[in-house]
N, C-alpha and C. Protein backbone atom coordinates (compact mmCIF):
# COMPACT_ATOMS: atom_id res chain seq x y z
N MET A 1 108.80 131.02 74.28
CA MET A 1 109.11 129.73 74.87
C MET A 1 107.91 129.18 75.66
N MET A 2 107.28 130.05 76.44
CA MET A 2 106.12 129.63 77.22
C MET A 2 104.98 129.19 76.31
N LYS A 3 104.87 129.86 75.16
CA LYS A 3 103.82 129.52 74.20
C LYS A 3 104.03 128.10 73.67
N ILE A 4 105.26 127.76 73.35
CA ILE A 4 105.58 126.42 72.84
C ILE A 4 105.31 125.37 73.92
N LEU A 5 105.72 125.66 75.14
CA LEU A 5 105.48 124.74 76.25
C LEU A 5 103.98 124.53 76.47
N PHE A 6 103.20 125.59 76.41
CA PHE A 6 101.76 125.50 76.57
C PHE A 6 101.14 124.64 75.46
N ILE A 7 101.56 124.86 74.22
CA ILE A 7 101.04 124.08 73.09
C ILE A 7 101.40 122.61 73.26
N TRP A 8 102.64 122.35 73.65
CA TRP A 8 103.09 120.98 73.84
C TRP A 8 102.29 120.28 74.94
N LEU A 9 102.10 120.94 76.06
CA LEU A 9 101.31 120.37 77.16
C LEU A 9 99.86 120.16 76.77
N SER A 10 99.30 121.08 75.99
CA SER A 10 97.92 120.94 75.52
C SER A 10 97.78 119.72 74.63
N MET A 11 98.74 119.52 73.74
CA MET A 11 98.70 118.35 72.85
C MET A 11 98.83 117.07 73.65
N LEU A 12 99.74 117.05 74.61
CA LEU A 12 99.95 115.87 75.44
C LEU A 12 98.68 115.54 76.22
N THR A 13 98.04 116.53 76.79
CA THR A 13 96.79 116.34 77.52
C THR A 13 95.69 115.84 76.58
N GLY A 14 95.63 116.37 75.38
CA GLY A 14 94.64 115.94 74.40
C GLY A 14 94.82 114.49 74.00
N PHE A 15 96.08 114.08 73.78
CA PHE A 15 96.34 112.69 73.43
C PHE A 15 95.98 111.75 74.57
N HIS A 16 96.25 112.19 75.80
CA HIS A 16 95.90 111.39 76.97
C HIS A 16 94.39 111.22 77.07
N ALA A 17 93.63 112.27 76.80
CA ALA A 17 92.16 112.20 76.85
C ALA A 17 91.64 111.25 75.78
N ILE A 18 92.23 111.29 74.59
CA ILE A 18 91.81 110.38 73.52
C ILE A 18 92.10 108.94 73.93
N ALA A 19 93.27 108.71 74.50
CA ALA A 19 93.63 107.35 74.93
C ALA A 19 92.68 106.85 76.01
N GLN A 20 92.28 107.72 76.93
CA GLN A 20 91.36 107.32 77.99
C GLN A 20 90.00 106.93 77.43
N ASN A 21 89.52 107.64 76.42
CA ASN A 21 88.22 107.35 75.84
C ASN A 21 88.25 106.14 74.92
N ASN A 22 89.44 105.75 74.49
CA ASN A 22 89.56 104.66 73.54
C ASN A 22 90.15 103.43 74.21
N GLN A 23 89.82 103.22 75.48
CA GLN A 23 90.38 102.10 76.21
C GLN A 23 89.86 100.78 75.67
N ASP A 24 90.74 99.83 75.62
CA ASP A 24 90.43 98.51 75.13
C ASP A 24 90.00 97.63 76.30
N ILE A 25 89.42 96.49 75.98
CA ILE A 25 89.00 95.55 77.02
C ILE A 25 89.92 94.34 77.07
N VAL A 26 90.93 94.30 76.20
CA VAL A 26 91.86 93.18 76.17
C VAL A 26 92.64 93.14 77.48
N GLY A 27 92.74 91.96 78.06
CA GLY A 27 93.50 91.79 79.29
C GLY A 27 92.90 90.70 80.16
N LYS A 28 93.44 90.59 81.37
CA LYS A 28 92.95 89.60 82.33
C LYS A 28 92.13 90.33 83.39
N TRP A 29 90.92 89.79 83.64
CA TRP A 29 89.95 90.44 84.52
C TRP A 29 89.48 89.48 85.59
N LYS A 30 89.49 89.94 86.84
CA LYS A 30 88.98 89.13 87.95
C LYS A 30 87.47 89.29 88.00
N THR A 31 86.77 88.17 87.91
CA THR A 31 85.31 88.19 87.96
C THR A 31 84.86 88.07 89.41
N VAL A 32 83.79 88.76 89.72
CA VAL A 32 83.24 88.75 91.08
C VAL A 32 81.76 88.40 90.98
N ASP A 33 81.34 87.44 91.78
CA ASP A 33 79.94 87.04 91.80
C ASP A 33 79.11 88.20 92.33
N ASP A 34 78.16 88.67 91.53
CA ASP A 34 77.36 89.84 91.93
C ASP A 34 76.38 89.51 93.05
N GLU A 35 76.16 88.24 93.33
CA GLU A 35 75.26 87.85 94.42
C GLU A 35 76.01 87.68 95.74
N THR A 36 77.24 87.11 95.69
CA THR A 36 77.98 86.83 96.93
C THR A 36 79.13 87.81 97.17
N GLY A 37 79.58 88.48 96.12
CA GLY A 37 80.73 89.39 96.23
C GLY A 37 82.06 88.66 96.23
N GLU A 38 82.03 87.35 96.02
CA GLU A 38 83.22 86.52 96.05
C GLU A 38 83.91 86.49 94.68
N ALA A 39 85.24 86.63 94.68
CA ALA A 39 86.01 86.51 93.43
C ALA A 39 85.92 85.07 92.95
N LYS A 40 85.57 84.88 91.66
CA LYS A 40 85.34 83.54 91.14
C LYS A 40 86.44 83.05 90.22
N SER A 41 86.87 83.91 89.29
CA SER A 41 87.79 83.45 88.27
C SER A 41 88.53 84.62 87.64
N ILE A 42 89.47 84.28 86.79
CA ILE A 42 90.14 85.26 85.94
C ILE A 42 89.70 84.94 84.51
N VAL A 43 89.17 85.95 83.83
CA VAL A 43 88.78 85.80 82.43
C VAL A 43 89.74 86.62 81.59
N GLU A 44 90.32 85.98 80.59
CA GLU A 44 91.22 86.67 79.68
C GLU A 44 90.45 87.06 78.42
N ILE A 45 90.37 88.36 78.17
CA ILE A 45 89.68 88.85 76.97
C ILE A 45 90.73 89.15 75.92
N PHE A 46 90.46 88.69 74.70
CA PHE A 46 91.40 88.85 73.60
C PHE A 46 90.63 89.15 72.32
N GLN A 47 91.35 89.61 71.30
CA GLN A 47 90.74 89.94 70.02
C GLN A 47 91.23 88.94 68.99
N LYS A 48 90.30 88.32 68.26
CA LYS A 48 90.65 87.37 67.21
C LYS A 48 90.86 88.11 65.89
N THR A 49 91.29 87.38 64.88
CA THR A 49 91.57 87.98 63.58
C THR A 49 90.31 88.53 62.91
N ASP A 50 89.13 88.10 63.37
CA ASP A 50 87.88 88.65 62.81
C ASP A 50 87.57 90.03 63.36
N GLY A 51 88.44 90.53 64.28
CA GLY A 51 88.25 91.85 64.86
C GLY A 51 87.33 91.88 66.06
N LYS A 52 86.73 90.73 66.38
CA LYS A 52 85.81 90.66 67.51
C LYS A 52 86.54 90.19 68.76
N TYR A 53 85.91 90.46 69.91
CA TYR A 53 86.50 90.14 71.20
C TYR A 53 85.86 88.88 71.77
N TYR A 54 86.71 88.09 72.43
CA TYR A 54 86.30 86.84 73.04
C TYR A 54 86.94 86.76 74.42
N GLY A 55 86.37 85.97 75.30
CA GLY A 55 86.93 85.83 76.63
C GLY A 55 86.85 84.40 77.11
N LYS A 56 87.96 83.93 77.70
CA LYS A 56 87.99 82.56 78.21
C LYS A 56 88.43 82.57 79.67
N ILE A 57 87.99 81.57 80.40
CA ILE A 57 88.38 81.42 81.80
C ILE A 57 89.83 80.93 81.82
N SER A 58 90.73 81.75 82.37
CA SER A 58 92.15 81.36 82.41
C SER A 58 92.58 80.86 83.79
N LYS A 59 91.76 81.14 84.82
CA LYS A 59 92.09 80.68 86.16
C LYS A 59 90.82 80.62 87.00
N LEU A 60 90.69 79.56 87.79
CA LEU A 60 89.57 79.43 88.73
C LEU A 60 90.07 79.81 90.11
N LEU A 61 89.38 80.73 90.78
CA LEU A 61 89.80 81.21 92.10
C LEU A 61 89.10 80.47 93.23
N ILE A 62 88.00 79.82 92.92
CA ILE A 62 87.31 78.97 93.90
C ILE A 62 87.00 77.64 93.22
N LYS A 63 86.94 76.60 94.00
CA LYS A 63 86.63 75.28 93.44
C LYS A 63 85.15 75.24 93.08
N PRO A 64 84.85 75.02 91.79
CA PRO A 64 83.44 74.98 91.39
C PRO A 64 82.78 73.66 91.79
N GLU A 65 81.47 73.68 91.78
CA GLU A 65 80.69 72.48 92.07
C GLU A 65 81.06 71.37 91.08
N ASN A 66 81.24 71.77 89.82
CA ASN A 66 81.63 70.85 88.77
C ASN A 66 82.69 71.55 87.93
N ASP A 67 83.74 70.84 87.53
CA ASP A 67 84.81 71.48 86.76
C ASP A 67 84.56 71.47 85.25
N LYS A 68 83.37 71.05 84.86
CA LYS A 68 82.97 71.07 83.45
C LYS A 68 81.67 71.86 83.30
N CYS A 69 81.41 72.34 82.09
CA CYS A 69 80.17 73.08 81.85
C CYS A 69 79.07 72.08 81.49
N VAL A 70 78.56 71.40 82.51
CA VAL A 70 77.57 70.35 82.30
C VAL A 70 76.21 70.89 81.86
N ARG A 71 75.93 72.15 82.15
CA ARG A 71 74.63 72.73 81.79
C ARG A 71 74.66 73.51 80.47
N CYS A 72 75.83 73.65 79.87
CA CYS A 72 75.91 74.33 78.57
C CYS A 72 75.14 73.53 77.53
N LYS A 73 74.54 74.24 76.59
CA LYS A 73 73.68 73.58 75.60
C LYS A 73 74.34 73.50 74.21
N ASP A 74 75.48 74.14 74.02
CA ASP A 74 76.10 74.20 72.69
C ASP A 74 77.41 73.42 72.67
N ASP A 75 78.34 73.83 71.83
CA ASP A 75 79.62 73.14 71.68
C ASP A 75 80.45 73.13 72.96
N ARG A 76 80.06 73.89 73.96
CA ARG A 76 80.79 73.94 75.23
C ARG A 76 80.32 72.90 76.24
N LYS A 77 79.26 72.16 75.90
CA LYS A 77 78.70 71.17 76.83
C LYS A 77 79.78 70.16 77.23
N ASN A 78 79.91 69.98 78.55
CA ASN A 78 80.86 69.04 79.16
C ASN A 78 82.33 69.39 78.91
N LYS A 79 82.60 70.60 78.47
CA LYS A 79 83.99 71.05 78.29
C LYS A 79 84.50 71.57 79.64
N PRO A 80 85.81 71.45 79.89
CA PRO A 80 86.37 71.96 81.14
C PRO A 80 86.15 73.47 81.29
N LEU A 81 85.88 73.91 82.52
CA LEU A 81 85.70 75.34 82.77
C LEU A 81 86.99 76.11 82.48
N LEU A 82 88.12 75.52 82.85
CA LEU A 82 89.40 76.16 82.59
C LEU A 82 89.65 76.17 81.08
N GLY A 83 89.74 77.35 80.51
CA GLY A 83 89.91 77.50 79.06
C GLY A 83 88.60 77.69 78.32
N LEU A 84 87.47 77.62 79.03
CA LEU A 84 86.16 77.74 78.41
C LEU A 84 85.93 79.16 77.91
N GLU A 85 85.54 79.27 76.65
CA GLU A 85 85.23 80.57 76.05
C GLU A 85 83.82 80.98 76.48
N ILE A 86 83.73 81.99 77.35
CA ILE A 86 82.42 82.40 77.85
C ILE A 86 81.91 83.68 77.18
N ILE A 87 82.82 84.45 76.59
CA ILE A 87 82.43 85.66 75.85
C ILE A 87 82.74 85.41 74.39
N ARG A 88 81.75 85.72 73.53
CA ARG A 88 81.94 85.50 72.09
C ARG A 88 81.36 86.64 71.27
N GLY A 89 82.12 87.04 70.24
CA GLY A 89 81.61 87.92 69.20
C GLY A 89 81.33 89.36 69.58
N ILE A 90 82.04 89.90 70.55
CA ILE A 90 81.82 91.30 70.97
C ILE A 90 82.52 92.24 69.99
N THR A 91 81.84 93.31 69.61
CA THR A 91 82.45 94.33 68.75
C THR A 91 82.41 95.68 69.45
N LYS A 92 83.37 96.53 69.09
CA LYS A 92 83.44 97.87 69.68
C LYS A 92 82.49 98.79 68.93
N ARG A 93 81.64 99.47 69.69
CA ARG A 93 80.68 100.44 69.13
C ARG A 93 80.75 101.69 69.99
N GLY A 94 81.53 102.66 69.54
CA GLY A 94 81.73 103.87 70.33
C GLY A 94 82.52 103.55 71.58
N ASP A 95 81.99 103.93 72.74
CA ASP A 95 82.65 103.65 74.02
C ASP A 95 82.20 102.32 74.61
N GLU A 96 81.33 101.61 73.91
CA GLU A 96 80.76 100.37 74.42
C GLU A 96 81.19 99.21 73.53
N PHE A 97 81.26 98.04 74.13
CA PHE A 97 81.54 96.81 73.41
C PHE A 97 80.28 95.97 73.51
N SER A 98 79.73 95.55 72.38
CA SER A 98 78.44 94.85 72.40
C SER A 98 78.30 93.97 71.16
N GLY A 99 77.11 93.41 70.99
CA GLY A 99 76.81 92.61 69.81
C GLY A 99 77.16 91.15 69.94
N GLY A 100 77.70 90.75 71.08
CA GLY A 100 78.07 89.37 71.28
C GLY A 100 77.29 88.74 72.42
N THR A 101 77.84 87.66 72.94
CA THR A 101 77.16 86.93 74.01
C THR A 101 78.11 86.59 75.15
N ILE A 102 77.51 86.30 76.29
CA ILE A 102 78.25 85.79 77.44
C ILE A 102 77.47 84.59 77.98
N THR A 103 78.20 83.55 78.33
CA THR A 103 77.59 82.34 78.87
C THR A 103 77.94 82.21 80.35
N ASP A 104 76.93 81.92 81.15
CA ASP A 104 77.12 81.67 82.57
C ASP A 104 77.32 80.16 82.73
N PRO A 105 78.55 79.71 83.01
CA PRO A 105 78.79 78.27 83.09
C PRO A 105 78.05 77.60 84.25
N LYS A 106 77.63 78.39 85.22
CA LYS A 106 76.92 77.83 86.38
C LYS A 106 75.55 77.29 85.98
N ASN A 107 74.84 78.04 85.10
CA ASN A 107 73.51 77.58 84.69
C ASN A 107 73.45 77.20 83.21
N GLY A 108 74.53 77.44 82.48
CA GLY A 108 74.59 77.06 81.07
C GLY A 108 73.86 78.00 80.13
N LYS A 109 73.30 79.07 80.65
CA LYS A 109 72.53 79.99 79.81
C LYS A 109 73.44 81.01 79.13
N THR A 110 73.05 81.38 77.91
CA THR A 110 73.79 82.37 77.13
C THR A 110 72.93 83.62 77.02
N TYR A 111 73.57 84.76 77.25
CA TYR A 111 72.88 86.05 77.25
C TYR A 111 73.55 87.00 76.26
N LYS A 112 72.79 87.97 75.77
CA LYS A 112 73.39 89.07 75.03
C LYS A 112 74.29 89.81 76.01
N CYS A 113 75.30 90.50 75.48
CA CYS A 113 76.28 91.09 76.38
C CYS A 113 76.73 92.47 75.91
N THR A 114 76.86 93.38 76.85
CA THR A 114 77.52 94.67 76.61
C THR A 114 78.59 94.84 77.67
N ILE A 115 79.70 95.44 77.26
CA ILE A 115 80.81 95.67 78.17
C ILE A 115 81.23 97.13 78.06
N THR A 116 81.39 97.77 79.20
CA THR A 116 81.86 99.15 79.25
C THR A 116 83.06 99.19 80.19
N ARG A 117 84.12 99.87 79.75
CA ARG A 117 85.29 99.99 80.60
C ARG A 117 85.28 101.33 81.31
N GLU A 118 85.54 101.27 82.61
CA GLU A 118 85.69 102.47 83.44
C GLU A 118 87.00 102.34 84.20
N GLY A 119 88.07 102.85 83.61
CA GLY A 119 89.39 102.75 84.22
C GLY A 119 89.84 101.31 84.30
N ASN A 120 90.09 100.82 85.52
CA ASN A 120 90.53 99.44 85.73
C ASN A 120 89.38 98.49 86.00
N LYS A 121 88.17 98.91 85.66
CA LYS A 121 86.99 98.07 85.87
C LYS A 121 86.24 97.87 84.56
N LEU A 122 85.64 96.70 84.44
CA LEU A 122 84.72 96.42 83.34
C LEU A 122 83.33 96.25 83.93
N LEU A 123 82.36 96.89 83.30
CA LEU A 123 80.97 96.65 83.65
C LEU A 123 80.44 95.69 82.60
N VAL A 124 80.20 94.46 83.00
CA VAL A 124 79.79 93.39 82.09
C VAL A 124 78.31 93.12 82.34
N ARG A 125 77.49 93.40 81.32
CA ARG A 125 76.04 93.25 81.46
C ARG A 125 75.54 92.12 80.58
N GLY A 126 74.88 91.16 81.19
CA GLY A 126 74.23 90.08 80.47
C GLY A 126 72.73 90.28 80.54
N TYR A 127 72.05 90.07 79.41
CA TYR A 127 70.61 90.30 79.39
C TYR A 127 69.93 89.47 78.32
N VAL A 128 68.62 89.35 78.46
CA VAL A 128 67.77 88.67 77.48
C VAL A 128 66.85 89.73 76.91
N GLY A 129 66.79 89.83 75.61
CA GLY A 129 65.90 90.82 74.98
C GLY A 129 66.45 92.22 75.08
N PHE A 130 65.93 93.00 76.00
CA PHE A 130 66.35 94.39 76.17
C PHE A 130 67.40 94.50 77.27
N SER A 131 68.31 95.44 77.10
CA SER A 131 69.39 95.64 78.06
C SER A 131 68.87 96.03 79.45
N LEU A 132 67.65 96.56 79.52
CA LEU A 132 67.08 96.95 80.81
C LEU A 132 66.81 95.75 81.71
N ILE A 133 66.58 94.59 81.07
CA ILE A 133 66.26 93.38 81.83
C ILE A 133 67.51 92.50 81.84
N GLY A 134 68.27 92.59 82.90
CA GLY A 134 69.50 91.81 83.00
C GLY A 134 70.23 92.16 84.27
N ARG A 135 71.50 91.77 84.33
CA ARG A 135 72.30 92.11 85.50
C ARG A 135 73.71 92.46 85.07
N THR A 136 74.34 93.28 85.90
CA THR A 136 75.69 93.76 85.60
C THR A 136 76.66 93.29 86.67
N GLN A 137 77.79 92.79 86.22
CA GLN A 137 78.88 92.45 87.12
C GLN A 137 80.02 93.43 86.89
N THR A 138 80.77 93.72 87.94
CA THR A 138 81.95 94.56 87.82
C THR A 138 83.18 93.68 87.94
N TRP A 139 84.00 93.69 86.89
CA TRP A 139 85.22 92.91 86.87
C TRP A 139 86.40 93.86 87.06
N GLN A 140 87.45 93.38 87.72
CA GLN A 140 88.61 94.20 88.06
C GLN A 140 89.82 93.75 87.23
N LEU A 141 90.53 94.71 86.64
CA LEU A 141 91.75 94.42 85.89
C LEU A 141 92.78 93.79 86.82
N THR A 142 93.45 92.76 86.34
CA THR A 142 94.47 92.08 87.13
C THR A 142 95.70 91.86 86.26
N ASN A 143 96.80 91.46 86.88
CA ASN A 143 98.05 91.22 86.11
C ASN A 143 98.14 89.80 85.65
């Protein structure tokens, strides 16, 4: 009986470890300005039918200087910040999500992006060229 209980607990622990390593990024995340430490918005990350991940601003936590992306250079130019798709084309590669872009609506610039999940936090890195040259924000999972 103890042997069966041990096997069952081992399997349960193994499945839990697999689930922890295979965490998804889908959900609502509170963004925090890495310069001021102030919570800025809620970004909802979702997966489209192409299998890639995208993220849009679903809530503004502070009143922005402008409620439109006036500095965006692409199809998002002059679009409202609320509902604006700022993450595009991310794919899962091992424990990392990468291969897509993130746009900073404050300056309108688009950067390459990698996302790593650590429990209830996302490490969102935007960079130009090499990943070493960029900055990382920590986003917090929210309901």
